[in-house]
Amino acid sequence: MLRKGEFLVYEKEYSNTLLMLPQPVAMCYALLANVITRYSNRMLECELITLDELTTIWDKALEKKTVPPRFMTKEDYRRVFKQIRDDNDFT
């Protein structure tokens, strides 16, 4: 957890005096997934592939067991901090 005035920097690098946050890799994967999904849907719309063929491709490509997400939303943080505050409230 970062304290006031601390920053999370990706590989301790600076780019044009701006901090490089660790989200670029995740963002690239998300954008790539979006492109692949749109391309798959477009191939189906143009009847270049059947639904059964597309389902088979996706079944082979996707991992059977996925890694659970390790990131928390702002709402998750609020809930955790509220729980910590409530647990530590001795009044």
PDB file of N, CA and C in Angstrom:
ATOM      1  N   MET A   1       0.850  -1.162   0.000  1.00  0.00           N
ATOM      2  CA  MET A   1       0.000   0.000   0.000  1.00  0.00           C
ATOM      3  C   MET A   1       0.901   1.231   0.000  1.00  0.00           C
ATOM      4  N   LEU A   2       0.563   2.200  -0.798  1.00  0.00           N
ATOM      5  CA  LEU A   2       1.348   3.423  -0.893  1.00  0.00           C
ATOM      6  C   LEU A   2       0.880   4.452   0.127  1.00  0.00           C
ATOM      7  N   ARG A   3       1.836   5.182   0.645  1.00  0.00           N
ATOM      8  CA  ARG A   3       1.505   6.264   1.565  1.00  0.00           C
ATOM      9  C   ARG A   3       1.357   7.559   0.788  1.00  0.00           C
ATOM     10  N   LYS A   4       0.899   8.582   1.473  1.00  0.00           N
ATOM     11  CA  LYS A   4       0.700   9.891   0.851  1.00  0.00           C
ATOM     12  C   LYS A   4       2.012  10.377   0.232  1.00  0.00           C
ATOM     13  N   GLY A   5       1.937  10.796  -1.017  1.00  0.00           N
ATOM     14  CA  GLY A   5       3.097  11.322  -1.709  1.00  0.00           C
ATOM     15  C   GLY A   5       3.945  10.277  -2.406  1.00  0.00           C
ATOM     16  N   GLU A   6       3.629   8.975  -2.262  1.00  0.00           N
ATOM     17  CA  GLU A   6       4.375   7.920  -2.942  1.00  0.00           C
ATOM     18  C   GLU A   6       3.660   7.542  -4.233  1.00  0.00           C
ATOM     19  N   PHE A   7       4.422   7.078  -5.210  1.00  0.00           N
ATOM     20  CA  PHE A   7       3.866   6.718  -6.501  1.00  0.00           C
ATOM     21  C   PHE A   7       4.319   5.321  -6.886  1.00  0.00           C
ATOM     22  N   LEU A   8       3.470   4.604  -7.575  1.00  0.00           N
ATOM     23  CA  LEU A   8       3.804   3.295  -8.105  1.00  0.00           C
ATOM     24  C   LEU A   8       4.330   3.504  -9.515  1.00  0.00           C
ATOM     25  N   VAL A   9       5.570   3.116  -9.763  1.00  0.00           N
ATOM     26  CA  VAL A   9       6.201   3.370 -11.056  1.00  0.00           C
ATOM     27  C   VAL A   9       6.568   2.052 -11.705  1.00  0.00           C
ATOM     28  N   TYR A  10       6.254   1.890 -12.981  1.00  0.00           N
ATOM     29  CA  TYR A  10       6.536   0.671 -13.724  1.00  0.00           C
ATOM     30  C   TYR A  10       8.030   0.578 -14.016  1.00  0.00           C
ATOM     31  N   GLU A  11       8.690  -0.424 -13.493  1.00  0.00           N
ATOM     32  CA  GLU A  11      10.109  -0.687 -13.690  1.00  0.00           C
ATOM     33  C   GLU A  11      10.976   0.528 -13.394  1.00  0.00           C
ATOM     34  N   LYS A  12      10.545   1.381 -12.514  1.00  0.00           N
ATOM     35  CA  LYS A  12      11.305   2.552 -12.067  1.00  0.00           C
ATOM     36  C   LYS A  12      11.763   3.414 -13.235  1.00  0.00           C
ATOM     37  N   GLU A  13      10.949   3.538 -14.250  1.00  0.00           N
ATOM     38  CA  GLU A  13      11.311   4.319 -15.423  1.00  0.00           C
ATOM     39  C   GLU A  13      10.450   5.561 -15.507  1.00  0.00           C
ATOM     40  N   TYR A  14      11.029   6.597 -16.077  1.00  0.00           N
ATOM     41  CA  TYR A  14      10.290   7.825 -16.331  1.00  0.00           C
ATOM     42  C   TYR A  14      10.219   8.024 -17.834  1.00  0.00           C
ATOM     43  N   SER A  15       9.102   8.509 -18.293  1.00  0.00           N
ATOM     44  CA  SER A  15       8.919   8.754 -19.716  1.00  0.00           C
ATOM     45  C   SER A  15       8.438  10.191 -19.885  1.00  0.00           C
ATOM     46  N   ASN A  16       9.274  11.030 -20.477  1.00  0.00           N
ATOM     47  CA  ASN A  16       8.933  12.442 -20.677  1.00  0.00           C
ATOM     48  C   ASN A  16       8.481  13.099 -19.375  1.00  0.00           C
ATOM     49  N   THR A  17       9.195  12.821 -18.321  1.00  0.00           N
ATOM     50  CA  THR A  17       8.936  13.353 -16.982  1.00  0.00           C
ATOM     51  C   THR A  17       7.590  12.908 -16.406  1.00  0.00           C
ATOM     52  N   LEU A  18       6.895  12.004 -17.074  1.00  0.00           N
ATOM     53  CA  LEU A  18       5.649  11.463 -16.545  1.00  0.00           C
ATOM     54  C   LEU A  18       5.917  10.067 -16.005  1.00  0.00           C
ATOM     55  N   LEU A  19       5.247   9.722 -14.937  1.00  0.00           N
ATOM     56  CA  LEU A  19       5.424   8.391 -14.372  1.00  0.00           C
ATOM     57  C   LEU A  19       4.778   7.352 -15.275  1.00  0.00           C
ATOM     58  N   MET A  20       5.423   6.214 -15.428  1.00  0.00           N
ATOM     59  CA  MET A  20       4.886   5.109 -16.223  1.00  0.00           C
ATOM     60  C   MET A  20       4.254   4.116 -15.255  1.00  0.00           C
ATOM     61  N   LEU A  21       2.953   4.015 -15.248  1.00  0.00           N
ATOM     62  CA  LEU A  21       2.245   3.137 -14.327  1.00  0.00           C
ATOM     63  C   LEU A  21       2.223   1.700 -14.849  1.00  0.00           C
ATOM     64  N   PRO A  22       1.947   0.722 -13.987  1.00  0.00           N
ATOM     65  CA  PRO A  22       2.013  -0.679 -14.405  1.00  0.00           C
ATOM     66  C   PRO A  22       0.839  -1.155 -15.259  1.00  0.00           C
ATOM     67  N   GLN A  23      -0.096  -0.306 -15.596  1.00  0.00           N
ATOM     68  CA  GLN A  23      -1.263  -0.735 -16.356  1.00  0.00           C
ATOM     69  C   GLN A  23      -1.043  -0.901 -17.859  1.00  0.00           C
ATOM     70  N   PRO A  24       0.042  -0.397 -18.479  1.00  0.00           N
ATOM     71  CA  PRO A  24       0.158  -0.522 -19.938  1.00  0.00           C
ATOM     72  C   PRO A  24       0.081  -1.944 -20.460  1.00  0.00           C
ATOM     73  N   VAL A  25       0.706  -2.897 -19.773  1.00  0.00           N
ATOM     74  CA  VAL A  25       0.681  -4.285 -20.249  1.00  0.00           C
ATOM     75  C   VAL A  25      -0.742  -4.829 -20.200  1.00  0.00           C
ATOM     76  N   ALA A  26      -1.440  -4.599 -19.092  1.00  0.00           N
ATOM     77  CA  ALA A  26      -2.819  -5.066 -18.964  1.00  0.00           C
ATOM     78  C   ALA A  26      -3.698  -4.404 -20.021  1.00  0.00           C
ATOM     79  N   MET A  27      -3.461  -3.114 -20.280  1.00  0.00           N
ATOM     80  CA  MET A  27      -4.255  -2.407 -21.280  1.00  0.00           C
ATOM     81  C   MET A  27      -4.022  -3.005 -22.671  1.00  0.00           C
ATOM     82  N   CYS A  28      -2.761  -3.334 -22.983  1.00  0.00           N
ATOM     83  CA  CYS A  28      -2.459  -3.923 -24.295  1.00  0.00           C
ATOM     84  C   CYS A  28      -3.148  -5.275 -24.468  1.00  0.00           C
ATOM     85  N   TYR A  29      -3.145  -6.087 -23.424  1.00  0.00           N
ATOM     86  CA  TYR A  29      -3.843  -7.377 -23.490  1.00  0.00           C
ATOM     87  C   TYR A  29      -5.346  -7.181 -23.681  1.00  0.00           C
ATOM     88  N   ALA A  30      -5.915  -6.202 -22.995  1.00  0.00           N
ATOM     89  CA  ALA A  30      -7.349  -5.940 -23.133  1.00  0.00           C
ATOM     90  C   ALA A  30      -7.680  -5.471 -24.551  1.00  0.00           C
ATOM     91  N   LEU A  31      -6.845  -4.594 -25.104  1.00  0.00           N
ATOM     92  CA  LEU A  31      -7.074  -4.111 -26.472  1.00  0.00           C
ATOM     93  C   LEU A  31      -6.914  -5.246 -27.482  1.00  0.00           C
ATOM     94  N   LEU A  32      -5.919  -6.080 -27.280  1.00  0.00           N
ATOM     95  CA  LEU A  32      -5.716  -7.219 -28.178  1.00  0.00           C
ATOM     96  C   LEU A  32      -6.907  -8.177 -28.129  1.00  0.00           C
ATOM     97  N   ALA A  33      -7.405  -8.435 -26.929  1.00  0.00           N
ATOM     98  CA  ALA A  33      -8.579  -9.298 -26.786  1.00  0.00           C
ATOM     99  C   ALA A  33      -9.781  -8.703 -27.510  1.00  0.00           C
ATOM    100  N   ASN A  34      -9.937  -7.394 -27.427  1.00  0.00           N
ATOM    101  CA  ASN A  34     -11.040  -6.713 -28.110  1.00  0.00           C
ATOM    102  C   ASN A  34     -10.914  -6.874 -29.620  1.00  0.00           C
ATOM    103  N   VAL A  35      -9.716  -6.691 -30.157  1.00  0.00           N
ATOM    104  CA  VAL A  35      -9.499  -6.825 -31.606  1.00  0.00           C
ATOM    105  C   VAL A  35      -9.797  -8.251 -32.054  1.00  0.00           C
ATOM    106  N   ILE A  36      -9.305  -9.231 -31.317  1.00  0.00           N
ATOM    107  CA  ILE A  36      -9.527 -10.638 -31.683  1.00  0.00           C
ATOM    108  C   ILE A  36     -11.007 -10.985 -31.634  1.00  0.00           C
ATOM    109  N   THR A  37     -11.697 -10.517 -30.614  1.00  0.00           N
ATOM    110  CA  THR A  37     -13.135 -10.789 -30.494  1.00  0.00           C
ATOM    111  C   THR A  37     -13.911 -10.161 -31.635  1.00  0.00           C
ATOM    112  N   ARG A  38     -13.586  -8.904 -31.950  1.00  0.00           N
ATOM    113  CA  ARG A  38     -14.284  -8.229 -33.068  1.00  0.00           C
ATOM    114  C   ARG A  38     -13.997  -8.923 -34.396  1.00  0.00           C
ATOM    115  N   TYR A  39     -12.746  -9.346 -34.585  1.00  0.00           N
ATOM    116  CA  TYR A  39     -12.374 -10.045 -35.815  1.00  0.00           C
ATOM    117  C   TYR A  39     -13.134 -11.364 -35.930  1.00  0.00           C
ATOM    118  N   SER A  40     -13.228 -12.088 -34.821  1.00  0.00           N
ATOM    119  CA  SER A  40     -13.968 -13.361 -34.818  1.00  0.00           C
ATOM    120  C   SER A  40     -15.431 -13.141 -35.173  1.00  0.00           C
ATOM    121  N   ASN A  41     -16.026 -12.124 -34.556  1.00  0.00           N
ATOM    122  CA  ASN A  41     -17.432 -11.821 -34.850  1.00  0.00           C
ATOM    123  C   ASN A  41     -17.626 -11.407 -36.302  1.00  0.00           C
ATOM    124  N   ARG A  42     -16.684 -10.653 -36.827  1.00  0.00           N
ATOM    125  CA  ARG A  42     -16.796 -10.196 -38.225  1.00  0.00           C
ATOM    126  C   ARG A  42     -16.668 -11.379 -39.185  1.00  0.00           C
ATOM    127  N   MET A  43     -15.759 -12.318 -38.890  1.00  0.00           N
ATOM    128  CA  MET A  43     -15.633 -13.507 -39.738  1.00  0.00           C
ATOM    129  C   MET A  43     -16.928 -14.301 -39.747  1.00  0.00           C
ATOM    130  N   LEU A  44     -17.590 -14.360 -38.599  1.00  0.00           N
ATOM    131  CA  LEU A  44     -18.864 -15.062 -38.498  1.00  0.00           C
ATOM    132  C   LEU A  44     -19.941 -14.340 -39.303  1.00  0.00           C
ATOM    133  N   GLU A  45     -19.980 -13.006 -39.197  1.00  0.00           N
ATOM    134  CA  GLU A  45     -20.965 -12.212 -39.949  1.00  0.00           C
ATOM    135  C   GLU A  45     -20.783 -12.362 -41.453  1.00  0.00           C
ATOM    136  N   CYS A  46     -19.537 -12.440 -41.909  1.00  0.00           N
ATOM    137  CA  CYS A  46     -19.251 -12.556 -43.345  1.00  0.00           C
ATOM    138  C   CYS A  46     -19.329 -14.012 -43.829  1.00  0.00           C
ATOM    139  N   GLU A  47     -19.696 -14.907 -42.910  1.00  0.00           N
ATOM    140  CA  GLU A  47     -19.825 -16.323 -43.213  1.00  0.00           C
ATOM    141  C   GLU A  47     -18.537 -16.942 -43.737  1.00  0.00           C
ATOM    142  N   LEU A  48     -17.402 -16.453 -43.211  1.00  0.00           N
ATOM    143  CA  LEU A  48     -16.112 -17.034 -43.554  1.00  0.00           C
ATOM    144  C   LEU A  48     -15.813 -18.246 -42.678  1.00  0.00           C
ATOM    145  N   ILE A  49     -16.600 -18.379 -41.618  1.00  0.00           N
ATOM    146  CA  ILE A  49     -16.416 -19.462 -40.667  1.00  0.00           C
ATOM    147  C   ILE A  49     -17.782 -19.773 -40.055  1.00  0.00           C
ATOM    148  N   THR A  50     -17.990 -21.017 -39.672  1.00  0.00           N
ATOM    149  CA  THR A  50     -19.263 -21.372 -39.038  1.00  0.00           C
ATOM    150  C   THR A  50     -19.151 -21.181 -37.524  1.00  0.00           C
ATOM    151  N   LEU A  51     -20.299 -21.146 -36.875  1.00  0.00           N
ATOM    152  CA  LEU A  51     -20.325 -20.994 -35.426  1.00  0.00           C
ATOM    153  C   LEU A  51     -19.646 -22.170 -34.740  1.00  0.00           C
ATOM    154  N   ASP A  52     -19.845 -23.377 -35.274  1.00  0.00           N
ATOM    155  CA  ASP A  52     -19.198 -24.563 -34.699  1.00  0.00           C
ATOM    156  C   ASP A  52     -17.675 -24.474 -34.811  1.00  0.00           C
ATOM    157  N   GLU A  53     -17.186 -24.021 -35.969  1.00  0.00           N
ATOM    158  CA  GLU A  53     -15.739 -23.867 -36.150  1.00  0.00           C
ATOM    159  C   GLU A  53     -15.170 -22.815 -35.201  1.00  0.00           C
ATOM    160  N   LEU A  54     -15.883 -21.707 -35.061  1.00  0.00           N
ATOM    161  CA  LEU A  54     -15.439 -20.637 -34.171  1.00  0.00           C
ATOM    162  C   LEU A  54     -15.436 -21.102 -32.712  1.00  0.00           C
ATOM    163  N   THR A  55     -16.451 -21.841 -32.327  1.00  0.00           N
ATOM    164  CA  THR A  55     -16.515 -22.378 -30.963  1.00  0.00           C
ATOM    165  C   THR A  55     -15.353 -23.330 -30.713  1.00  0.00           C
ATOM    166  N   THR A  56     -15.025 -24.164 -31.688  1.00  0.00           N
ATOM    167  CA  THR A  56     -13.904 -25.088 -31.549  1.00  0.00           C
ATOM    168  C   THR A  56     -12.585 -24.326 -31.402  1.00  0.00           C
ATOM    169  N   ILE A  57     -12.406 -23.283 -32.192  1.00  0.00           N
ATOM    170  CA  ILE A  57     -11.185 -22.470 -32.115  1.00  0.00           C
ATOM    171  C   ILE A  57     -11.053 -21.836 -30.739  1.00  0.00           C
ATOM    172  N   TRP A  58     -12.136 -21.250 -30.249  1.00  0.00           N
ATOM    173  CA  TRP A  58     -12.090 -20.605 -28.930  1.00  0.00           C
ATOM    174  C   TRP A  58     -11.851 -21.621 -27.823  1.00  0.00           C
ATOM    175  N   ASP A  59     -12.459 -22.798 -27.938  1.00  0.00           N
ATOM    176  CA  ASP A  59     -12.252 -23.842 -26.930  1.00  0.00           C
ATOM    177  C   ASP A  59     -10.788 -24.276 -26.865  1.00  0.00           C
ATOM    178  N   LYS A  60     -10.140 -24.357 -28.018  1.00  0.00           N
ATOM    179  CA  LYS A  60      -8.733 -24.748 -28.052  1.00  0.00           C
ATOM    180  C   LYS A  60      -7.817 -23.612 -27.580  1.00  0.00           C
ATOM    181  N   ALA A  61      -8.195 -22.383 -27.867  1.00  0.00           N
ATOM    182  CA  ALA A  61      -7.337 -21.233 -27.572  1.00  0.00           C
ATOM    183  C   ALA A  61      -7.371 -20.808 -26.112  1.00  0.00           C
ATOM    184  N   LEU A  62      -8.534 -20.923 -25.489  1.00  0.00           N
ATOM    185  CA  LEU A  62      -8.669 -20.437 -24.119  1.00  0.00           C
ATOM    186  C   LEU A  62      -8.217 -21.476 -23.112  1.00  0.00           C
ATOM    187  N   GLU A  63      -7.596 -20.993 -22.048  1.00  0.00           N
ATOM    188  CA  GLU A  63      -7.148 -21.899 -20.987  1.00  0.00           C
ATOM    189  C   GLU A  63      -8.341 -22.447 -20.225  1.00  0.00           C
ATOM    190  N   LYS A  64      -8.239 -23.695 -19.820  1.00  0.00           N
ATOM    191  CA  LYS A  64      -9.335 -24.305 -19.056  1.00  0.00           C
ATOM    192  C   LYS A  64      -9.425 -23.711 -17.651  1.00  0.00           C
ATOM    193  N   LYS A  65      -8.271 -23.436 -17.070  1.00  0.00           N
ATOM    194  CA  LYS A  65      -8.242 -22.866 -15.729  1.00  0.00           C
ATOM    195  C   LYS A  65      -7.590 -21.488 -15.813  1.00  0.00           C
ATOM    196  N   THR A  66      -8.317 -20.478 -15.427  1.00  0.00           N
ATOM    197  CA  THR A  66      -7.786 -19.120 -15.507  1.00  0.00           C
ATOM    198  C   THR A  66      -7.289 -18.655 -14.147  1.00  0.00           C
ATOM    199  N   VAL A  67      -6.429 -17.663 -14.188  1.00  0.00           N
ATOM    200  CA  VAL A  67      -5.896 -17.073 -12.958  1.00  0.00           C
ATOM    201  C   VAL A  67      -6.905 -16.047 -12.464  1.00  0.00           C
ATOM    202  N   PRO A  68      -7.258 -16.095 -11.196  1.00  0.00           N
ATOM    203  CA  PRO A  68      -8.217 -15.099 -10.688  1.00  0.00           C
ATOM    204  C   PRO A  68      -7.618 -13.692 -10.744  1.00  0.00           C
ATOM    205  N   PRO A  69      -8.448 -12.670 -10.945  1.00  0.00           N
ATOM    206  CA  PRO A  69      -7.941 -11.307 -11.012  1.00  0.00           C
ATOM    207  C   PRO A  69      -7.264 -10.905  -9.707  1.00  0.00           C
ATOM    208  N   ARG A  70      -6.181 -10.137  -9.836  1.00  0.00           N
ATOM    209  CA  ARG A  70      -5.449  -9.692  -8.663  1.00  0.00           C
ATOM    210  C   ARG A  70      -5.610  -8.199  -8.426  1.00  0.00           C
ATOM    211  N   PHE A  71      -6.424  -7.558  -9.212  1.00  0.00           N
ATOM    212  CA  PHE A  71      -6.604  -6.128  -9.078  1.00  0.00           C
ATOM    213  C   PHE A  71      -7.921  -5.830  -8.379  1.00  0.00           C
ATOM    214  N   MET A  72      -7.955  -4.729  -7.689  1.00  0.00           N
ATOM    215  CA  MET A  72      -9.169  -4.338  -6.972  1.00  0.00           C
ATOM    216  C   MET A  72      -9.686  -3.030  -7.555  1.00  0.00           C
ATOM    217  N   THR A  73     -10.995  -2.886  -7.589  1.00  0.00           N
ATOM    218  CA  THR A  73     -11.606  -1.638  -8.016  1.00  0.00           C
ATOM    219  C   THR A  73     -11.611  -0.659  -6.852  1.00  0.00           C
ATOM    220  N   LYS A  74     -11.923   0.590  -7.156  1.00  0.00           N
ATOM    221  CA  LYS A  74     -12.021   1.589  -6.088  1.00  0.00           C
ATOM    222  C   LYS A  74     -13.073   1.176  -5.065  1.00  0.00           C
ATOM    223  N   GLU A  75     -14.145   0.588  -5.539  1.00  0.00           N
ATOM    224  CA  GLU A  75     -15.200   0.138  -4.626  1.00  0.00           C
ATOM    225  C   GLU A  75     -14.694  -0.980  -3.710  1.00  0.00           C
ATOM    226  N   ASP A  76     -13.866  -1.883  -4.253  1.00  0.00           N
ATOM    227  CA  ASP A  76     -13.265  -2.939  -3.427  1.00  0.00           C
ATOM    228  C   ASP A  76     -12.406  -2.325  -2.327  1.00  0.00           C
ATOM    229  N   TYR A  77     -11.589  -1.335  -2.693  1.00  0.00           N
ATOM    230  CA  TYR A  77     -10.745  -0.667  -1.703  1.00  0.00           C
ATOM    231  C   TYR A  77     -11.583   0.007  -0.624  1.00  0.00           C
ATOM    232  N   ARG A  78     -12.630   0.681  -1.050  1.00  0.00           N
ATOM    233  CA  ARG A  78     -13.504   1.348  -0.070  1.00  0.00           C
ATOM    234  C   ARG A  78     -14.089   0.340   0.906  1.00  0.00           C
ATOM    235  N   ARG A  79     -14.539  -0.799   0.385  1.00  0.00           N
ATOM    236  CA  ARG A  79     -15.136  -1.834   1.229  1.00  0.00           C
ATOM    237  C   ARG A  79     -14.099  -2.399   2.214  1.00  0.00           C
ATOM    238  N   VAL A  80     -12.888  -2.659   1.731  1.00  0.00           N
ATOM    239  CA  VAL A  80     -11.837  -3.205   2.595  1.00  0.00           C
ATOM    240  C   VAL A  80     -11.469  -2.206   3.678  1.00  0.00           C
ATOM    241  N   PHE A  81     -11.260  -0.941   3.307  1.00  0.00           N
ATOM    242  CA  PHE A  81     -10.876   0.065   4.295  1.00  0.00           C
ATOM    243  C   PHE A  81     -11.994   0.322   5.297  1.00  0.00           C
ATOM    244  N   LYS A  82     -13.235   0.252   4.830  1.00  0.00           N
ATOM    245  CA  LYS A  82     -14.359   0.426   5.757  1.00  0.00           C
ATOM    246  C   LYS A  82     -14.370  -0.719   6.754  1.00  0.00           C
ATOM    247  N   GLN A  83     -14.122  -1.950   6.276  1.00  0.00           N
ATOM    248  CA  GLN A  83     -14.087  -3.107   7.166  1.00  0.00           C
ATOM    249  C   GLN A  83     -12.947  -2.977   8.177  1.00  0.00           C
ATOM    250  N   ILE A  84     -11.779  -2.532   7.710  1.00  0.00           N
ATOM    251  CA  ILE A  84     -10.643  -2.340   8.616  1.00  0.00           C
ATOM    252  C   ILE A  84     -10.978  -1.278   9.660  1.00  0.00           C
ATOM    253  N   ARG A  85     -11.574  -0.183   9.208  1.00  0.00           N
ATOM    254  CA  ARG A  85     -11.954   0.887  10.129  1.00  0.00           C
ATOM    255  C   ARG A  85     -12.975   0.387  11.140  1.00  0.00           C
ATOM    256  N   ASP A  86     -13.958  -0.367  10.668  1.00  0.00           N
ATOM    257  CA  ASP A  86     -14.987  -0.893  11.565  1.00  0.00           C
ATOM    258  C   ASP A  86     -14.397  -1.891  12.566  1.00  0.00           C
ATOM    259  N   ASP A  87     -13.451  -2.727  12.099  1.00  0.00           N
ATOM    260  CA  ASP A  87     -12.817  -3.714  12.983  1.00  0.00           C
ATOM    261  C   ASP A  87     -11.952  -3.046  14.054  1.00  0.00           C
ATOM    262  N   ASN A  88     -11.373  -1.909  13.706  1.00  0.00           N
ATOM    263  CA  ASN A  88     -10.491  -1.205  14.642  1.00  0.00           C
ATOM    264  C   ASN A  88     -11.220  -0.151  15.476  1.00  0.00           C
ATOM    265  N   ASP A  89     -12.505  -0.021  15.300  1.00  0.00           N
ATOM    266  CA  ASP A  89     -13.276   0.980  16.047  1.00  0.00           C
ATOM    267  C   ASP A  89     -13.625   0.408  17.414  1.00  0.00           C
ATOM    268  N   PHE A  90     -12.949   0.897  18.449  1.00  0.00           N
ATOM    269  CA  PHE A  90     -13.140   0.381  19.789  1.00  0.00           C
ATOM    270  C   PHE A  90     -14.093   1.222  20.610  1.00  0.00           C
ATOM    271  N   THR A  91     -14.700   2.222  20.023  1.00  0.00           N
ATOM    272  CA  THR A  91     -15.611   3.085  20.789  1.00  0.00           C
ATOM    273  C   THR A  91     -16.996   2.517  20.854  1.00  0.00           C
TER     274      THR A  91
END
